[in-house]
Protein backbone atom coordinates (compact mmCIF):
# COMPACT_ATOMS: atom_id res chain seq x y z
CA UNK A 1 149.15 94.48 150.39
CA UNK A 2 146.86 97.38 150.10
CA UNK A 3 143.52 97.36 148.35
CA UNK A 4 144.96 99.52 145.59
CA UNK A 5 147.82 97.18 145.00
CA UNK A 6 145.52 94.22 144.96
CA UNK A 7 143.16 95.87 142.36
CA UNK A 8 146.17 96.69 140.11
CA UNK A 9 147.47 93.08 140.34
CA UNK A 10 144.02 91.76 139.43
CA UNK A 11 143.74 94.15 136.51
CA UNK A 12 147.15 93.16 135.08
CA UNK A 13 146.25 89.41 135.47
CA UNK A 14 142.92 90.05 133.71
CA UNK A 15 144.57 91.83 130.87
CA UNK A 16 147.34 89.31 130.32
CA UNK A 17 144.71 86.46 130.47
CA UNK A 18 142.41 88.10 127.94
CA UNK A 19 145.42 88.72 125.64
CA UNK A 20 146.47 85.10 125.84
CA UNK A 21 143.05 83.91 124.83
CA UNK A 22 142.78 86.41 122.07
CA UNK A 23 145.71 85.24 120.24
CA UNK A 24 145.33 83.29 116.96
CA UNK A 25 146.11 79.59 117.29
CA UNK A 26 149.58 78.83 115.96
CA UNK A 27 149.29 75.15 115.74
CA UNK A 28 149.81 73.49 112.40
CA UNK A 29 146.92 71.84 110.60
CA UNK A 30 146.67 68.14 111.36
CA UNK A 31 148.18 65.79 108.89
CA UNK A 32 145.68 63.57 106.97
CA UNK A 33 145.42 60.06 108.13
CA UNK A 34 146.44 57.37 105.66
CA UNK A 35 143.41 55.21 106.48
CA UNK A 36 141.28 54.35 103.47
CA UNK A 37 137.62 55.22 104.16
CA UNK A 38 134.57 53.98 102.26
CA UNK A 39 131.39 56.04 102.90
CA UNK A 40 128.12 54.34 102.17
CA UNK A 41 125.83 57.28 101.77
CA UNK A 42 122.40 58.53 100.54
CA UNK A 43 121.91 59.08 96.85
CA UNK A 44 121.00 62.76 96.67
CA UNK A 45 118.71 61.98 93.73
CA UNK A 46 116.70 59.68 95.87
CA UNK A 47 117.58 59.84 99.54
CA UNK A 48 116.15 57.14 101.80
CA UNK A 49 114.30 58.60 104.77
CA UNK A 50 113.37 55.73 107.16
CA UNK A 51 110.61 57.48 109.13
CA UNK A 52 107.48 58.67 107.34
CA UNK A 53 106.80 61.35 109.88
CA UNK A 54 110.19 62.89 109.08
CA UNK A 55 109.54 63.08 105.38
CA UNK A 56 109.06 66.77 105.01
CA UNK A 57 110.73 69.27 102.70
CA UNK A 58 113.45 70.32 105.21
CA UNK A 59 114.50 66.74 106.02
CA UNK A 60 114.55 65.75 102.37
CA UNK A 61 116.82 68.76 101.61
CA UNK A 62 119.16 67.82 104.36
CA UNK A 63 119.31 64.16 103.26
CA UNK A 64 120.10 65.28 99.76
CA UNK A 65 123.12 67.36 101.05
CA UNK A 66 124.16 64.76 103.57
CA UNK A 67 126.52 62.54 101.60
CA UNK A 68 128.37 65.49 99.97
CA UNK A 69 128.77 67.19 103.37
CA UNK A 70 130.01 64.01 105.00
CA UNK A 71 132.38 63.36 102.17
CA UNK A 72 133.96 66.84 102.43
CA UNK A 73 134.40 66.35 106.24
CA UNK A 74 136.07 62.91 105.62
CA UNK A 75 138.38 64.24 102.87
CA UNK A 76 139.59 67.00 105.12
CA UNK A 77 140.99 64.34 107.55
CA UNK A 78 141.71 61.28 105.44
CA UNK A 79 143.89 60.91 102.27
CA UNK A 80 141.74 58.36 100.60
CA UNK A 81 137.89 58.49 100.71
CA UNK A 82 135.59 56.60 98.33
CA UNK A 83 131.85 57.08 98.27
CA UNK A 84 129.18 54.70 97.14
CA UNK A 85 125.46 55.25 97.33
CA UNK A 86 123.77 52.71 99.56
CA UNK A 87 121.70 51.05 96.76
CA UNK A 88 125.01 50.26 94.83
CA UNK A 89 126.99 48.99 97.90
CA UNK A 90 128.39 45.36 97.92
CA UNK A 91 130.24 43.95 100.94
CA UNK A 92 133.28 43.12 98.78
CA UNK A 93 133.77 46.90 98.33
CA UNK A 94 134.89 47.03 102.03
CA UNK A 95 137.65 44.58 101.38
CA UNK A 96 139.83 47.23 99.66
CA UNK A 97 139.33 49.84 102.42
CA UNK A 98 140.37 50.18 106.13
CA UNK A 99 137.00 51.48 107.43
CA UNK A 100 133.58 51.46 106.03
CA UNK A 101 131.21 54.23 107.34
CA UNK A 102 127.50 53.37 106.87
CA UNK A 103 125.31 56.46 106.82
CA UNK A 104 122.51 54.83 104.80
CA UNK A 105 121.17 51.28 104.62
CA UNK A 106 122.33 49.22 101.71
CA UNK A 107 119.91 46.81 99.84
CA UNK A 108 119.25 43.90 102.15
CA UNK A 109 120.69 40.55 101.25
CA UNK A 110 117.67 39.02 102.78
CA UNK A 111 114.59 41.14 103.56
CA UNK A 112 112.85 41.12 106.93
CA UNK A 113 110.20 38.53 107.45
CA UNK A 114 107.08 38.95 109.68
CA UNK A 115 104.23 36.75 109.99
CA UNK A 116 102.33 34.19 111.93
CA UNK A 117 103.25 30.55 112.25
CA UNK A 118 100.27 28.65 110.69
CA UNK A 119 100.72 25.73 113.12
CA UNK A 120 101.24 27.47 116.43
CA UNK A 121 99.64 30.86 115.72
CA UNK A 122 102.75 32.53 117.15
CA UNK A 123 103.97 35.69 115.55
CA UNK A 124 107.48 35.87 114.33
CA UNK A 125 109.90 38.39 113.09
CA UNK A 126 113.33 37.88 111.40
CA UNK A 127 115.31 41.05 110.80
CA UNK A 128 116.58 41.98 107.40
CA UNK A 129 120.24 40.97 106.79
CA UNK A 130 122.35 43.62 105.19
CA UNK A 131 125.89 42.03 105.54
CA UNK A 132 127.11 38.47 105.16
CA UNK A 133 127.74 36.63 108.44
CA UNK A 134 131.41 36.56 107.41
CA UNK A 135 131.78 40.38 107.21
CA UNK A 136 134.64 41.31 109.43
CA UNK A 137 135.70 44.76 108.34
CA UNK A 138 136.20 47.77 110.50
CA UNK A 139 132.81 49.43 110.43
CA UNK A 140 131.23 52.58 111.76
CA UNK A 141 127.31 52.76 111.65
CA UNK A 142 125.95 56.28 112.00
CA UNK A 143 122.78 56.75 114.18
CA UNK A 144 119.65 54.72 113.22
CA UNK A 145 121.69 52.59 110.78
CA UNK A 146 123.38 50.70 113.67
CA UNK A 147 120.26 48.87 114.97
CA UNK A 148 118.86 48.14 111.62
CA UNK A 149 122.11 46.61 110.16
CA UNK A 150 123.15 44.86 113.40
CA UNK A 151 119.87 43.01 114.05
CA UNK A 152 120.48 40.72 111.09
CA UNK A 153 123.97 39.84 112.39
CA UNK A 154 122.71 39.07 115.89
CA UNK A 155 124.41 42.09 117.36
CA UNK A 156 122.77 44.22 120.08
CA UNK A 157 123.43 47.80 118.95
CA UNK A 158 119.71 48.99 119.29
CA UNK A 159 118.53 52.17 120.76
CA UNK A 160 118.98 52.25 124.56
């Protein structure tokens, strides 16, 4: 094969490859899943920002938009999506849904306890409990929510 033939072959391959990648996708959109999703999100009127150093104007704006953006994403993929703000969430609400997505911390059933034992002088910490021990629903906890909610259940989902 001559150098000229080789160059011509490479040019044809390059053109056909680029034409293949330039085509519009022809795949049909995915069908929505029948799973029933409950999103526990931030109330845009009063978003909960867990870290004081992140409490600047840009972060507050993002948290105010977060639940509506997350809802839009979920509704594009699932037929039934319900939304509840974290302060209004009750564990029983998860009973009617297939999956609960926690993007915000609900009110604790039992607040965290810190202190010093008066008899021994030892420090103690009991994490907040957000879900009852009997909670057995399919759950997805987003980001920093996972270690906070799982500590009270005795799970080890902390930051590694």
